[in-house]
PDB file of N, CA and C in Angstrom:
ATOM      1  N   UNK A   1       0.831  -1.083  -0.054  1.00  0.00           N
ATOM      2  CA  UNK A   1       0.366   0.169   0.079  1.00  0.00           C
ATOM      3  C   UNK A   1       0.921   1.314   0.171  1.00  0.00           C
ATOM      4  N   UNK A   2       0.623   2.406  -0.797  1.00  0.00           N
ATOM      5  CA  UNK A   2       1.018   3.245  -0.742  1.00  0.00           C
ATOM      6  C   UNK A   2       0.252   4.669   0.105  1.00  0.00           C
ATOM      7  N   UNK A   3       1.009   5.177   0.772  1.00  0.00           N
ATOM      8  CA  UNK A   3       0.262   6.526   1.455  1.00  0.00           C
ATOM      9  C   UNK A   3       0.191   7.346   0.940  1.00  0.00           C
ATOM     10  N   UNK A   4      -0.696   8.195   1.013  1.00  0.00           N
ATOM     11  CA  UNK A   4      -1.395   9.212   0.235  1.00  0.00           C
ATOM     12  C   UNK A   4      -1.769  10.259   0.919  1.00  0.00           C
ATOM     13  N   UNK A   5      -1.939  11.513   0.408  1.00  0.00           N
ATOM     14  CA  UNK A   5      -3.180  12.199   0.947  1.00  0.00           C
ATOM     15  C   UNK A   5      -4.192  12.744  -0.324  1.00  0.00           C
ATOM     16  N   UNK A   6      -5.256  12.709   0.588  1.00  0.00           N
ATOM     17  CA  UNK A   6      -6.152  13.532  -0.396  1.00  0.00           C
ATOM     18  C   UNK A   6      -7.254  14.632   0.036  1.00  0.00           C
ATOM     19  N   UNK A   7      -7.346  15.354  -1.265  1.00  0.00           N
ATOM     20  CA  UNK A   7      -8.074  16.532  -0.649  1.00  0.00           C
ATOM     21  C   UNK A   7      -9.594  16.619  -1.587  1.00  0.00           C
ATOM     22  N   UNK A   8     -10.436  17.255  -0.676  1.00  0.00           N
ATOM     23  CA  UNK A   8     -11.562  17.169  -1.123  1.00  0.00           C
ATOM     24  C   UNK A   8     -12.504  18.682  -0.747  1.00  0.00           C
ATOM     25  N   UNK A   9     -12.657  19.371  -1.285  1.00  0.00           N
ATOM     26  CA  UNK A   9     -13.343  20.808  -1.129  1.00  0.00           C
ATOM     27  C   UNK A   9     -12.888  21.506   0.315  1.00  0.00           C
ATOM     28  N   UNK A  10     -11.403  21.617   0.098  1.00  0.00           N
ATOM     29  CA  UNK A  10     -10.317  22.103   1.346  1.00  0.00           C
ATOM     30  C   UNK A  10      -9.775  21.456   2.497  1.00  0.00           C
ATOM     31  N   UNK A  11     -10.600  20.015   2.223  1.00  0.00           N
ATOM     32  CA  UNK A  11     -10.301  19.235   3.762  1.00  0.00           C
ATOM     33  C   UNK A  11      -8.942  18.003   3.184  1.00  0.00           C
ATOM     34  N   UNK A  12      -8.095  17.809   4.017  1.00  0.00           N
ATOM     35  CA  UNK A  12      -7.261  16.633   3.598  1.00  0.00           C
ATOM     36  C   UNK A  12      -7.331  15.849   4.376  1.00  0.00           C
ATOM     37  N   UNK A  13      -7.229  14.413   3.754  1.00  0.00           N
ATOM     38  CA  UNK A  13      -6.995  13.142   4.828  1.00  0.00           C
ATOM     39  C   UNK A  13      -6.199  12.233   4.254  1.00  0.00           C
ATOM     40  N   UNK A  14      -5.211  11.485   5.103  1.00  0.00           N
ATOM     41  CA  UNK A  14      -4.295  10.195   4.504  1.00  0.00           C
ATOM     42  C   UNK A  14      -5.339   9.446   4.398  1.00  0.00           C
ATOM     43  N   UNK A  15      -4.737   8.797   3.089  1.00  0.00           N
ATOM     44  CA  UNK A  15      -5.338   7.572   2.912  1.00  0.00           C
ATOM     45  C   UNK A  15      -3.982   6.610   2.183  1.00  0.00           C
ATOM     46  N   UNK A  16      -4.505   5.441   2.232  1.00  0.00           N
ATOM     47  CA  UNK A  16      -3.928   4.596   1.378  1.00  0.00           C
ATOM     48  C   UNK A  16      -4.517   4.150  -0.017  1.00  0.00           C
ATOM     49  N   UNK A  17      -3.387   4.284  -1.067  1.00  0.00           N
ATOM     50  CA  UNK A  17      -3.236   3.369  -2.680  1.00  0.00           C
ATOM     51  C   UNK A  17      -3.167   1.858  -2.068  1.00  0.00           C
ATOM     52  N   UNK A  18      -4.293   1.217  -2.374  1.00  0.00           N
ATOM     53  CA  UNK A  18      -4.073  -0.466  -2.339  1.00  0.00           C
ATOM     54  C   UNK A  18      -4.290  -0.910  -3.591  1.00  0.00           C
ATOM     55  N   UNK A  19      -4.442  -0.004  -4.749  1.00  0.00           N
ATOM     56  CA  UNK A  19      -4.710  -0.978  -5.871  1.00  0.00           C
ATOM     57  C   UNK A  19      -4.637   0.394  -7.212  1.00  0.00           C
ATOM     58  N   UNK A  20      -4.183   0.226  -8.361  1.00  0.00           N
ATOM     59  CA  UNK A  20      -4.623   1.170  -9.372  1.00  0.00           C
ATOM     60  C   UNK A  20      -4.412   0.908 -11.074  1.00  0.00           C
ATOM     61  N   UNK A  21      -4.411   1.554 -11.772  1.00  0.00           N
ATOM     62  CA  UNK A  21      -4.818   1.209 -12.957  1.00  0.00           C
ATOM     63  C   UNK A  21      -4.419   2.595 -13.750  1.00  0.00           C
ATOM     64  N   UNK A  22      -4.235   3.008 -15.130  1.00  0.00           N
ATOM     65  CA  UNK A  22      -4.125   3.682 -15.720  1.00  0.00           C
ATOM     66  C   UNK A  22      -5.326   4.560 -15.713  1.00  0.00           C
ATOM     67  N   UNK A  23      -6.635   4.193 -15.391  1.00  0.00           N
ATOM     68  CA  UNK A  23      -7.642   4.801 -15.721  1.00  0.00           C
ATOM     69  C   UNK A  23      -8.188   5.423 -13.762  1.00  0.00           C
ATOM     70  N   UNK A  24      -7.528   4.913 -12.774  1.00  0.00           N
ATOM     71  CA  UNK A  24      -7.950   4.862 -11.684  1.00  0.00           C
ATOM     72  C   UNK A  24      -7.367   4.329 -10.577  1.00  0.00           C
ATOM     73  N   UNK A  25      -8.228   4.604  -9.003  1.00  0.00           N
ATOM     74  CA  UNK A  25      -7.430   4.028  -7.989  1.00  0.00           C
ATOM     75  C   UNK A  25      -8.470   3.254  -6.682  1.00  0.00           C
ATOM     76  N   UNK A  26      -7.814   2.367  -6.011  1.00  0.00           N
ATOM     77  CA  UNK A  26      -8.894   2.124  -4.714  1.00  0.00           C
ATOM     78  C   UNK A  26      -8.184   2.392  -3.870  1.00  0.00           C
ATOM     79  N   UNK A  27      -8.833   3.278  -2.692  1.00  0.00           N
ATOM     80  CA  UNK A  27      -8.589   3.967  -1.488  1.00  0.00           C
ATOM     81  C   UNK A  27      -8.515   2.979  -0.511  1.00  0.00           C
ATOM     82  N   UNK A  28      -7.881   3.427   0.309  1.00  0.00           N
ATOM     83  CA  UNK A  28      -8.126   2.666   1.838  1.00  0.00           C
ATOM     84  C   UNK A  28      -8.384   3.513   2.834  1.00  0.00           C
ATOM     85  N   UNK A  29      -8.567   3.779   3.778  1.00  0.00           N
ATOM     86  CA  UNK A  29      -8.740   5.296   4.838  1.00  0.00           C
ATOM     87  C   UNK A  29      -9.815   6.125   4.608  1.00  0.00           C
ATOM     88  N   UNK A  30     -10.591   5.912   3.377  1.00  0.00           N
ATOM     89  CA  UNK A  30     -11.060   7.474   3.209  1.00  0.00           C
ATOM     90  C   UNK A  30     -12.435   7.690   4.333  1.00  0.00           C
ATOM     91  N   UNK A  31     -12.547   9.356   4.559  1.00  0.00           N
ATOM     92  CA  UNK A  31     -13.722   9.422   5.418  1.00  0.00           C
ATOM     93  C   UNK A  31     -14.528  10.490   5.059  1.00  0.00           C
ATOM     94  N   UNK A  32     -16.031  10.176   5.058  1.00  0.00           N
ATOM     95  CA  UNK A  32     -16.628  11.436   4.551  1.00  0.00           C
ATOM     96  C   UNK A  32     -17.003  11.880   3.432  1.00  0.00           C
ATOM     97  N   UNK A  33     -16.720  10.817   2.189  1.00  0.00           N
ATOM     98  CA  UNK A  33     -16.677  11.077   0.793  1.00  0.00           C
ATOM     99  C   UNK A  33     -18.073  10.337   0.149  1.00  0.00           C
ATOM    100  N   UNK A  34     -18.467  10.878  -0.461  1.00  0.00           N
ATOM    101  CA  UNK A  34     -19.296   9.679  -1.374  1.00  0.00           C
ATOM    102  C   UNK A  34     -19.229  10.001  -2.939  1.00  0.00           C
ATOM    103  N   UNK A  35     -20.319   9.220  -3.954  1.00  0.00           N
ATOM    104  CA  UNK A  35     -19.997   9.167  -5.078  1.00  0.00           C
ATOM    105  C   UNK A  35     -20.277  10.270  -5.888  1.00  0.00           C
ATOM    106  N   UNK A  36     -19.524  10.888  -6.898  1.00  0.00           N
ATOM    107  CA  UNK A  36     -19.098  12.162  -7.598  1.00  0.00           C
ATOM    108  C   UNK A  36     -18.488  13.766  -7.297  1.00  0.00           C
ATOM    109  N   UNK A  37     -18.269  12.823  -5.343  1.00  0.00           N
ATOM    110  CA  UNK A  37     -16.909  13.998  -5.100  1.00  0.00           C
ATOM    111  C   UNK A  37     -15.958  13.866  -5.693  1.00  0.00           C
ATOM    112  N   UNK A  38     -15.529  15.773  -6.185  1.00  0.00           N
ATOM    113  CA  UNK A  38     -13.735  15.912  -6.678  1.00  0.00           C
ATOM    114  C   UNK A  38     -12.981  15.478  -5.748  1.00  0.00           C
ATOM    115  N   UNK A  39     -11.903  14.929  -6.212  1.00  0.00           N
ATOM    116  CA  UNK A  39     -10.667  14.728  -5.344  1.00  0.00           C
ATOM    117  C   UNK A  39      -9.334  14.845  -6.150  1.00  0.00           C
ATOM    118  N   UNK A  40      -8.537  15.442  -5.380  1.00  0.00           N
ATOM    119  CA  UNK A  40      -7.077  15.423  -5.896  1.00  0.00           C
ATOM    120  C   UNK A  40      -6.444  14.689  -5.107  1.00  0.00           C
ATOM    121  N   UNK A  41      -5.475  13.926  -5.486  1.00  0.00           N
ATOM    122  CA  UNK A  41      -4.475  12.930  -4.698  1.00  0.00           C
ATOM    123  C   UNK A  41      -3.470  12.716  -4.978  1.00  0.00           C
ATOM    124  N   UNK A  42      -2.882  13.234  -3.740  1.00  0.00           N
ATOM    125  CA  UNK A  42      -1.224  13.717  -3.583  1.00  0.00           C
ATOM    126  C   UNK A  42      -0.753  12.963  -3.044  1.00  0.00           C
ATOM    127  N   UNK A  43       0.209  11.869  -4.489  1.00  0.00           N
ATOM    128  CA  UNK A  43       1.336  10.848  -3.731  1.00  0.00           C
ATOM    129  C   UNK A  43       2.754  11.548  -3.262  1.00  0.00           C
ATOM    130  N   UNK A  44       2.767  12.676  -3.723  1.00  0.00           N
ATOM    131  CA  UNK A  44       3.869  13.076  -3.367  1.00  0.00           C
ATOM    132  C   UNK A  44       3.705  14.700  -3.219  1.00  0.00           C
ATOM    133  N   UNK A  45       4.413  15.272  -2.561  1.00  0.00           N
ATOM    134  CA  UNK A  45       4.035  17.128  -2.799  1.00  0.00           C
ATOM    135  C   UNK A  45       3.762  17.265  -4.606  1.00  0.00           C
ATOM    136  N   UNK A  46       4.752  16.708  -5.264  1.00  0.00           N
ATOM    137  CA  UNK A  46       5.129  17.064  -6.714  1.00  0.00           C
ATOM    138  C   UNK A  46       3.904  16.184  -7.678  1.00  0.00           C
ATOM    139  N   UNK A  47       3.291  15.350  -7.023  1.00  0.00           N
ATOM    140  CA  UNK A  47       2.783  14.351  -8.146  1.00  0.00           C
ATOM    141  C   UNK A  47       1.326  14.151  -7.946  1.00  0.00           C
ATOM    142  N   UNK A  48       0.533  14.755  -8.052  1.00  0.00           N
ATOM    143  CA  UNK A  48      -1.209  15.334  -7.777  1.00  0.00           C
ATOM    144  C   UNK A  48      -1.941  14.812  -9.283  1.00  0.00           C
ATOM    145  N   UNK A  49      -3.031  13.580  -8.440  1.00  0.00           N
ATOM    146  CA  UNK A  49      -3.833  13.157  -9.912  1.00  0.00           C
ATOM    147  C   UNK A  49      -5.196  13.959  -9.206  1.00  0.00           C
ATOM    148  N   UNK A  50      -6.132  14.351 -10.277  1.00  0.00           N
ATOM    149  CA  UNK A  50      -7.331  14.467  -9.928  1.00  0.00           C
ATOM    150  C   UNK A  50      -8.113  13.288 -10.540  1.00  0.00           C
ATOM    151  N   UNK A  51      -9.005  13.454  -9.575  1.00  0.00           N
ATOM    152  CA  UNK A  51     -10.855  12.306 -10.244  1.00  0.00           C
ATOM    153  C   UNK A  51     -11.616  12.774  -9.505  1.00  0.00           C
ATOM    154  N   UNK A  52     -12.380  11.729  -9.559  1.00  0.00           N
ATOM    155  CA  UNK A  52     -13.718  11.632  -8.962  1.00  0.00           C
ATOM    156  C   UNK A  52     -13.792  10.487  -8.422  1.00  0.00           C
ATOM    157  N   UNK A  53     -14.475  10.458  -7.032  1.00  0.00           N
ATOM    158  CA  UNK A  53     -15.374   9.489  -6.062  1.00  0.00           C
ATOM    159  C   UNK A  53     -16.407   8.847  -7.045  1.00  0.00           C
ATOM    160  N   UNK A  54     -16.018   7.511  -7.653  1.00  0.00           N
ATOM    161  CA  UNK A  54     -16.482   6.458  -8.729  1.00  0.00           C
ATOM    162  C   UNK A  54     -17.422   5.454  -7.562  1.00  0.00           C
ATOM    163  N   UNK A  55     -17.371   4.967  -6.613  1.00  0.00           N
ATOM    164  CA  UNK A  55     -17.909   4.443  -5.840  1.00  0.00           C
ATOM    165  C   UNK A  55     -17.491   4.544  -4.493  1.00  0.00           C
ATOM    166  N   UNK A  56     -18.058   4.228  -2.935  1.00  0.00           N
ATOM    167  CA  UNK A  56     -17.455   4.408  -1.984  1.00  0.00           C
ATOM    168  C   UNK A  56     -18.363   3.370  -1.076  1.00  0.00           C
ATOM    169  N   UNK A  57     -17.179   2.734   0.055  1.00  0.00           N
ATOM    170  CA  UNK A  57     -18.176   1.909   0.479  1.00  0.00           C
ATOM    171  C   UNK A  57     -17.197   1.875   2.042  1.00  0.00           C
ATOM    172  N   UNK A  58     -18.151   2.167   3.212  1.00  0.00           N
ATOM    173  CA  UNK A  58     -17.331   2.019   4.681  1.00  0.00           C
ATOM    174  C   UNK A  58     -16.275   3.018   4.585  1.00  0.00           C
ATOM    175  N   UNK A  59     -15.159   2.464   4.436  1.00  0.00           N
ATOM    176  CA  UNK A  59     -13.290   3.214   4.206  1.00  0.00           C
ATOM    177  C   UNK A  59     -12.435   3.193   3.186  1.00  0.00           C
ATOM    178  N   UNK A  60     -13.452   2.475   2.473  1.00  0.00           N
ATOM    179  CA  UNK A  60     -12.659   2.121   0.824  1.00  0.00           C
ATOM    180  C   UNK A  60     -13.434   3.038  -0.462  1.00  0.00           C
ATOM    181  N   UNK A  61     -12.819   3.318  -1.287  1.00  0.00           N
ATOM    182  CA  UNK A  61     -13.439   4.044  -2.558  1.00  0.00           C
ATOM    183  C   UNK A  61     -12.964   3.856  -3.624  1.00  0.00           C
ATOM    184  N   UNK A  62     -13.540   3.905  -4.781  1.00  0.00           N
ATOM    185  CA  UNK A  62     -12.689   3.905  -5.976  1.00  0.00           C
ATOM    186  C   UNK A  62     -12.738   5.311  -6.470  1.00  0.00           C
ATOM    187  N   UNK A  63     -11.304   5.367  -6.947  1.00  0.00           N
ATOM    188  CA  UNK A  63     -11.596   6.878  -7.562  1.00  0.00           C
ATOM    189  C   UNK A  63     -11.390   6.920  -9.368  1.00  0.00           C
ATOM    190  N   UNK A  64     -12.000   7.624 -10.225  1.00  0.00           N
ATOM    191  CA  UNK A  64     -11.387   7.401 -11.813  1.00  0.00           C
ATOM    192  C   UNK A  64     -11.051   9.112 -11.983  1.00  0.00           C
ATOM    193  N   UNK A  65      -9.536   8.616 -12.424  1.00  0.00           N
ATOM    194  CA  UNK A  65      -8.851   9.722 -12.783  1.00  0.00           C
ATOM    195  C   UNK A  65      -9.967  10.827 -13.821  1.00  0.00           C
ATOM    196  N   UNK A  66      -9.924  11.994 -13.931  1.00  0.00           N
ATOM    197  CA  UNK A  66     -10.408  12.800 -15.147  1.00  0.00           C
ATOM    198  C   UNK A  66      -9.434  12.721 -16.022  1.00  0.00           C
ATOM    199  N   UNK A  67      -8.344  12.017 -15.908  1.00  0.00           N
ATOM    200  CA  UNK A  67      -7.817  12.240 -17.597  1.00  0.00           C
ATOM    201  C   UNK A  67      -6.640  11.013 -17.447  1.00  0.00           C
ATOM    202  N   UNK A  68      -6.953   9.787 -18.183  1.00  0.00           N
ATOM    203  CA  UNK A  68      -6.017   8.483 -17.329  1.00  0.00           C
ATOM    204  C   UNK A  68      -4.719   8.561 -17.890  1.00  0.00           C
ATOM    205  N   UNK A  69      -3.895   8.087 -16.762  1.00  0.00           N
ATOM    206  CA  UNK A  69      -2.485   8.455 -16.788  1.00  0.00           C
ATOM    207  C   UNK A  69      -1.558   7.198 -18.146  1.00  0.00           C
ATOM    208  N   UNK A  70      -0.676   8.249 -18.605  1.00  0.00           N
ATOM    209  CA  UNK A  70      -0.140   7.799 -19.535  1.00  0.00           C
ATOM    210  C   UNK A  70       1.001   6.421 -19.368  1.00  0.00           C
ATOM    211  N   UNK A  71       1.464   5.506 -19.960  1.00  0.00           N
ATOM    212  CA  UNK A  71       2.675   4.967 -19.584  1.00  0.00           C
ATOM    213  C   UNK A  71       3.736   5.179 -18.865  1.00  0.00           C
ATOM    214  N   UNK A  72       3.912   6.516 -19.701  1.00  0.00           N
ATOM    215  CA  UNK A  72       5.197   7.792 -19.227  1.00  0.00           C
ATOM    216  C   UNK A  72       4.708   8.814 -18.332  1.00  0.00           C
ATOM    217  N   UNK A  73       3.665   8.784 -17.843  1.00  0.00           N
ATOM    218  CA  UNK A  73       3.317   9.969 -16.769  1.00  0.00           C
ATOM    219  C   UNK A  73       4.025   9.742 -15.622  1.00  0.00           C
ATOM    220  N   UNK A  74       4.511  10.618 -14.980  1.00  0.00           N
ATOM    221  CA  UNK A  74       5.478  10.287 -13.625  1.00  0.00           C
ATOM    222  C   UNK A  74       4.393   9.688 -12.768  1.00  0.00           C
ATOM    223  N   UNK A  75       3.167  10.229 -12.449  1.00  0.00           N
ATOM    224  CA  UNK A  75       2.282   9.567 -11.350  1.00  0.00           C
ATOM    225  C   UNK A  75       2.337   8.105 -11.525  1.00  0.00           C
ATOM    226  N   UNK A  76       1.972   7.599 -13.070  1.00  0.00           N
ATOM    227  CA  UNK A  76       1.922   5.704 -13.495  1.00  0.00           C
ATOM    228  C   UNK A  76       3.419   5.507 -13.341  1.00  0.00           C
ATOM    229  N   UNK A  77       4.681   5.940 -13.332  1.00  0.00           N
ATOM    230  CA  UNK A  77       5.691   5.363 -12.974  1.00  0.00           C
ATOM    231  C   UNK A  77       6.103   5.216 -11.365  1.00  0.00           C
ATOM    232  N   UNK A  78       5.602   6.582 -10.683  1.00  0.00           N
ATOM    233  CA  UNK A  78       5.711   6.297  -8.937  1.00  0.00           C
ATOM    234  C   UNK A  78       4.946   5.370  -8.927  1.00  0.00           C
ATOM    235  N   UNK A  79       3.624   4.814  -8.833  1.00  0.00           N
ATOM    236  CA  UNK A  79       2.943   4.022  -8.745  1.00  0.00           C
ATOM    237  C   UNK A  79       3.336   2.164  -8.713  1.00  0.00           C
ATOM    238  N   UNK A  80       3.934   2.274  -9.964  1.00  0.00           N
ATOM    239  CA  UNK A  80       4.529   1.265 -10.802  1.00  0.00           C
ATOM    240  C   UNK A  80       5.806   0.714  -9.783  1.00  0.00           C
ATOM    241  N   UNK A  81       6.743   1.832  -9.300  1.00  0.00           N
ATOM    242  CA  UNK A  81       8.247   1.827  -8.758  1.00  0.00           C
ATOM    243  C   UNK A  81       7.672   0.915  -7.094  1.00  0.00           C
ATOM    244  N   UNK A  82       6.565   1.942  -6.651  1.00  0.00           N
ATOM    245  CA  UNK A  82       5.839   1.547  -5.356  1.00  0.00           C
ATOM    246  C   UNK A  82       5.215   0.221  -5.452  1.00  0.00           C
ATOM    247  N   UNK A  83       4.498  -0.243  -6.420  1.00  0.00           N
ATOM    248  CA  UNK A  83       4.157  -1.657  -6.711  1.00  0.00           C
ATOM    249  C   UNK A  83       5.480  -2.928  -6.784  1.00  0.00           C
ATOM    250  N   UNK A  84       6.637  -2.289  -7.465  1.00  0.00           N
ATOM    251  CA  UNK A  84       7.352  -3.082  -7.923  1.00  0.00           C
ATOM    252  C   UNK A  84       8.245  -3.526  -6.051  1.00  0.00           C
ATOM    253  N   UNK A  85       8.327  -2.239  -5.282  1.00  0.00           N
ATOM    254  CA  UNK A  85       9.192  -2.408  -3.817  1.00  0.00           C
ATOM    255  C   UNK A  85       8.370  -3.029  -2.933  1.00  0.00           C
ATOM    256  N   UNK A  86       6.483  -3.329  -3.231  1.00  0.00           N
ATOM    257  CA  UNK A  86       6.394  -3.882  -2.172  1.00  0.00           C
ATOM    258  C   UNK A  86       6.103  -5.350  -2.270  1.00  0.00           C
ATOM    259  N   UNK A  87       6.119  -5.586  -3.438  1.00  0.00           N
ATOM    260  CA  UNK A  87       6.134  -7.120  -4.002  1.00  0.00           C
ATOM    261  C   UNK A  87       7.578  -7.495  -4.102  1.00  0.00           C
ATOM    262  N   UNK A  88       8.751  -7.212  -3.995  1.00  0.00           N
ATOM    263  CA  UNK A  88       9.747  -7.417  -3.593  1.00  0.00           C
ATOM    264  C   UNK A  88       9.844  -7.729  -2.141  1.00  0.00           C
ATOM    265  N   UNK A  89       9.360  -6.646  -1.407  1.00  0.00           N
ATOM    266  CA  UNK A  89       9.489  -7.119   0.202  1.00  0.00           C
ATOM    267  C   UNK A  89       8.305  -8.273   0.395  1.00  0.00           C
ATOM    268  N   UNK A  90       7.152  -8.258  -0.368  1.00  0.00           N
ATOM    269  CA  UNK A  90       6.764  -9.457  -0.096  1.00  0.00           C
ATOM    270  C   UNK A  90       7.276 -10.747  -0.517  1.00  0.00           C
ATOM    271  N   UNK A  91       7.878 -10.957  -1.495  1.00  0.00           N
ATOM    272  CA  UNK A  91       8.489 -11.795  -1.710  1.00  0.00           C
ATOM    273  C   UNK A  91       9.949 -12.573  -1.199  1.00  0.00           C
ATOM    274  N   UNK A  92      10.153 -11.677  -0.569  1.00  0.00           N
ATOM    275  CA  UNK A  92      11.568 -11.549   0.520  1.00  0.00           C
ATOM    276  C   UNK A  92      10.913 -12.348   1.587  1.00  0.00           C
ATOM    277  N   UNK A  93       9.893 -11.962   2.326  1.00  0.00           N
ATOM    278  CA  UNK A  93       8.928 -11.948   3.322  1.00  0.00           C
ATOM    279  C   UNK A  93       8.382 -13.318   3.420  1.00  0.00           C
ATOM    280  N   UNK A  94       8.232 -13.966   2.564  1.00  0.00           N
ATOM    281  CA  UNK A  94       7.883 -15.535   2.081  1.00  0.00           C
ATOM    282  C   UNK A  94       8.543 -16.301   2.218  1.00  0.00           C
ATOM    283  N   UNK A  95       9.879 -15.668   1.490  1.00  0.00           N
ATOM    284  CA  UNK A  95      10.958 -16.555   1.437  1.00  0.00           C
ATOM    285  C   UNK A  95      12.014 -17.023   2.790  1.00  0.00           C
ATOM    286  N   UNK A  96      11.728 -16.045   3.426  1.00  0.00           N
ATOM    287  CA  UNK A  96      12.260 -15.877   4.997  1.00  0.00           C
ATOM    288  C   UNK A  96      11.439 -16.935   5.657  1.00  0.00           C
ATOM    289  N   UNK A  97       9.980 -16.558   5.314  1.00  0.00           N
ATOM    290  CA  UNK A  97       9.026 -17.635   6.586  1.00  0.00           C
ATOM    291  C   UNK A  97       9.190 -19.267   5.954  1.00  0.00           C
ATOM    292  N   UNK A  98       9.400 -19.131   4.347  1.00  0.00           N
ATOM    293  CA  UNK A  98       9.586 -20.619   4.034  1.00  0.00           C
ATOM    294  C   UNK A  98      10.934 -21.343   4.558  1.00  0.00           C
ATOM    295  N   UNK A  99      12.337 -20.808   4.421  1.00  0.00           N
ATOM    296  CA  UNK A  99      13.217 -20.833   5.173  1.00  0.00           C
ATOM    297  C   UNK A  99      13.114 -21.605   6.575  1.00  0.00           C
ATOM    298  N   UNK A 100      12.256 -20.829   7.192  1.00  0.00           N
ATOM    299  CA  UNK A 100      12.465 -21.116   8.820  1.00  0.00           C
ATOM    300  C   UNK A 100      11.635 -22.044   9.272  1.00  0.00           C
ATOM    301  N   UNK A 101      10.484 -22.212   8.202  1.00  0.00           N
ATOM    302  CA  UNK A 101       9.255 -23.158   8.502  1.00  0.00           C
ATOM    303  C   UNK A 101      10.077 -24.700   7.951  1.00  0.00           C
ATOM    304  N   UNK A 102      10.886 -24.419   6.757  1.00  0.00           N
ATOM    305  CA  UNK A 102      11.648 -25.394   6.165  1.00  0.00           C
ATOM    306  C   UNK A 102      12.837 -26.211   7.405  1.00  0.00           C
ATOM    307  N   UNK A 103      13.338 -25.328   8.229  1.00  0.00           N
ATOM    308  CA  UNK A 103      14.342 -25.874   8.877  1.00  0.00           C
ATOM    309  C   UNK A 103      13.968 -26.562  10.621  1.00  0.00           C
ATOM    310  N   UNK A 104      12.336 -26.512  10.594  1.00  0.00           N
ATOM    311  CA  UNK A 104      11.962 -27.078  11.621  1.00  0.00           C
ATOM    312  C   UNK A 104      11.724 -28.809  11.872  1.00  0.00           C
TER     313      UNK A 104
END
Protein backbone atom coordinates (compact mmCIF):
# COMPACT_ATOMS: atom_id res chain seq x y z
CA UNK A 1 0.00 0.00 0.00
CA UNK A 2 1.13 3.50 -0.81
CA UNK A 3 0.40 6.32 1.64
CA UNK A 4 -1.06 9.44 0.06
CA UNK A 5 -3.07 12.52 0.94
CA UNK A 6 -6.50 13.16 -0.49
CA UNK A 7 -7.98 16.63 -0.79
CA UNK A 8 -11.67 17.32 -1.28
CA UNK A 9 -13.31 20.72 -0.93
CA UNK A 10 -10.46 22.14 1.15
CA UNK A 11 -10.19 19.21 3.57
CA UNK A 12 -7.21 16.85 3.55
CA UNK A 13 -7.05 13.28 4.82
CA UNK A 14 -4.47 10.53 4.82
CA UNK A 15 -5.36 7.51 2.68
CA UNK A 16 -3.71 4.38 1.31
CA UNK A 17 -3.61 3.43 -2.37
CA UNK A 18 -4.23 -0.31 -2.43
CA UNK A 19 -4.63 -0.83 -6.18
CA UNK A 20 -4.28 1.25 -9.31
CA UNK A 21 -4.66 1.30 -13.07
CA UNK A 22 -4.24 3.92 -15.75
CA UNK A 23 -7.83 5.07 -15.18
CA UNK A 24 -8.08 5.14 -11.39
CA UNK A 25 -7.17 3.94 -7.92
CA UNK A 26 -8.73 2.03 -5.07
CA UNK A 27 -8.24 3.76 -1.73
CA UNK A 28 -8.51 2.64 1.86
CA UNK A 29 -8.95 4.90 4.87
CA UNK A 30 -11.34 7.45 3.41
CA UNK A 31 -13.79 9.36 5.60
CA UNK A 32 -16.88 11.33 4.67
CA UNK A 33 -16.71 11.08 0.89
CA UNK A 34 -19.52 10.17 -1.49
CA UNK A 35 -19.88 9.14 -5.11
CA UNK A 36 -19.28 12.10 -7.38
CA UNK A 37 -17.04 14.07 -4.99
CA UNK A 38 -14.13 15.74 -6.81
CA UNK A 39 -10.74 14.85 -5.31
CA UNK A 40 -7.03 15.43 -5.67
CA UNK A 41 -4.69 12.63 -4.66
CA UNK A 42 -1.24 13.79 -3.59
CA UNK A 43 1.09 10.84 -4.09
CA UNK A 44 4.00 13.14 -3.28
CA UNK A 45 4.01 16.95 -3.01
CA UNK A 46 4.93 17.06 -6.72
CA UNK A 47 2.72 14.20 -7.97
CA UNK A 48 -0.95 15.10 -7.87
CA UNK A 49 -3.74 13.38 -9.78
CA UNK A 50 -7.29 14.63 -10.04
CA UNK A 51 -10.33 12.43 -10.04
CA UNK A 52 -13.83 11.79 -8.86
CA UNK A 53 -15.16 9.29 -6.35
CA UNK A 54 -16.69 6.51 -8.47
CA UNK A 55 -17.89 4.44 -5.52
CA UNK A 56 -17.43 4.31 -1.75
CA UNK A 57 -18.20 1.66 0.84
CA UNK A 58 -17.35 2.25 4.48
CA UNK A 59 -13.69 3.32 4.48
CA UNK A 60 -12.91 2.21 0.91
CA UNK A 61 -13.40 4.07 -2.36
CA UNK A 62 -12.67 3.91 -6.04
CA UNK A 63 -11.47 7.06 -7.74
CA UNK A 64 -11.72 7.53 -11.49
CA UNK A 65 -9.02 9.84 -12.83
CA UNK A 66 -10.24 12.85 -14.80
CA UNK A 67 -7.54 12.05 -17.34
CA UNK A 68 -6.13 8.50 -17.68
CA UNK A 69 -2.43 8.13 -16.89
CA UNK A 70 -0.14 7.37 -19.78
CA UNK A 71 2.64 4.79 -19.48
CA UNK A 72 5.24 7.56 -19.14
CA UNK A 73 3.24 9.75 -16.73
CA UNK A 74 5.33 10.43 -13.58
CA UNK A 75 2.39 9.42 -11.34
CA UNK A 76 2.03 6.09 -13.18
CA UNK A 77 5.78 5.45 -12.97
CA UNK A 78 5.74 6.28 -9.24
CA UNK A 79 2.87 3.86 -8.57
CA UNK A 80 4.57 1.12 -10.61
CA UNK A 81 7.80 1.61 -8.67
CA UNK A 82 5.97 1.44 -5.34
CA UNK A 83 4.17 -1.75 -6.45
CA UNK A 84 7.52 -3.32 -7.36
CA UNK A 85 8.98 -2.39 -3.96
CA UNK A 86 6.00 -3.93 -2.16
CA UNK A 87 6.13 -7.09 -4.29
CA UNK A 88 9.84 -7.50 -3.60
CA UNK A 89 9.29 -7.08 0.15
CA UNK A 90 6.45 -9.62 0.02
CA UNK A 91 8.60 -12.11 -1.88
CA UNK A 92 11.49 -11.73 0.58
CA UNK A 93 9.15 -12.15 3.55
CA UNK A 94 7.64 -15.32 2.08
CA UNK A 95 11.08 -16.72 1.28
CA UNK A 96 12.22 -16.02 4.84
CA UNK A 97 9.10 -17.65 6.27
CA UNK A 98 9.55 -20.71 4.05
CA UNK A 99 13.18 -20.99 5.10
CA UNK A 100 12.26 -20.74 8.79
CA UNK A 101 9.52 -23.36 8.50
CA UNK A 102 11.67 -25.64 6.36
CA UNK A 103 14.37 -25.73 9.04
CA UNK A 104 12.04 -27.00 11.77
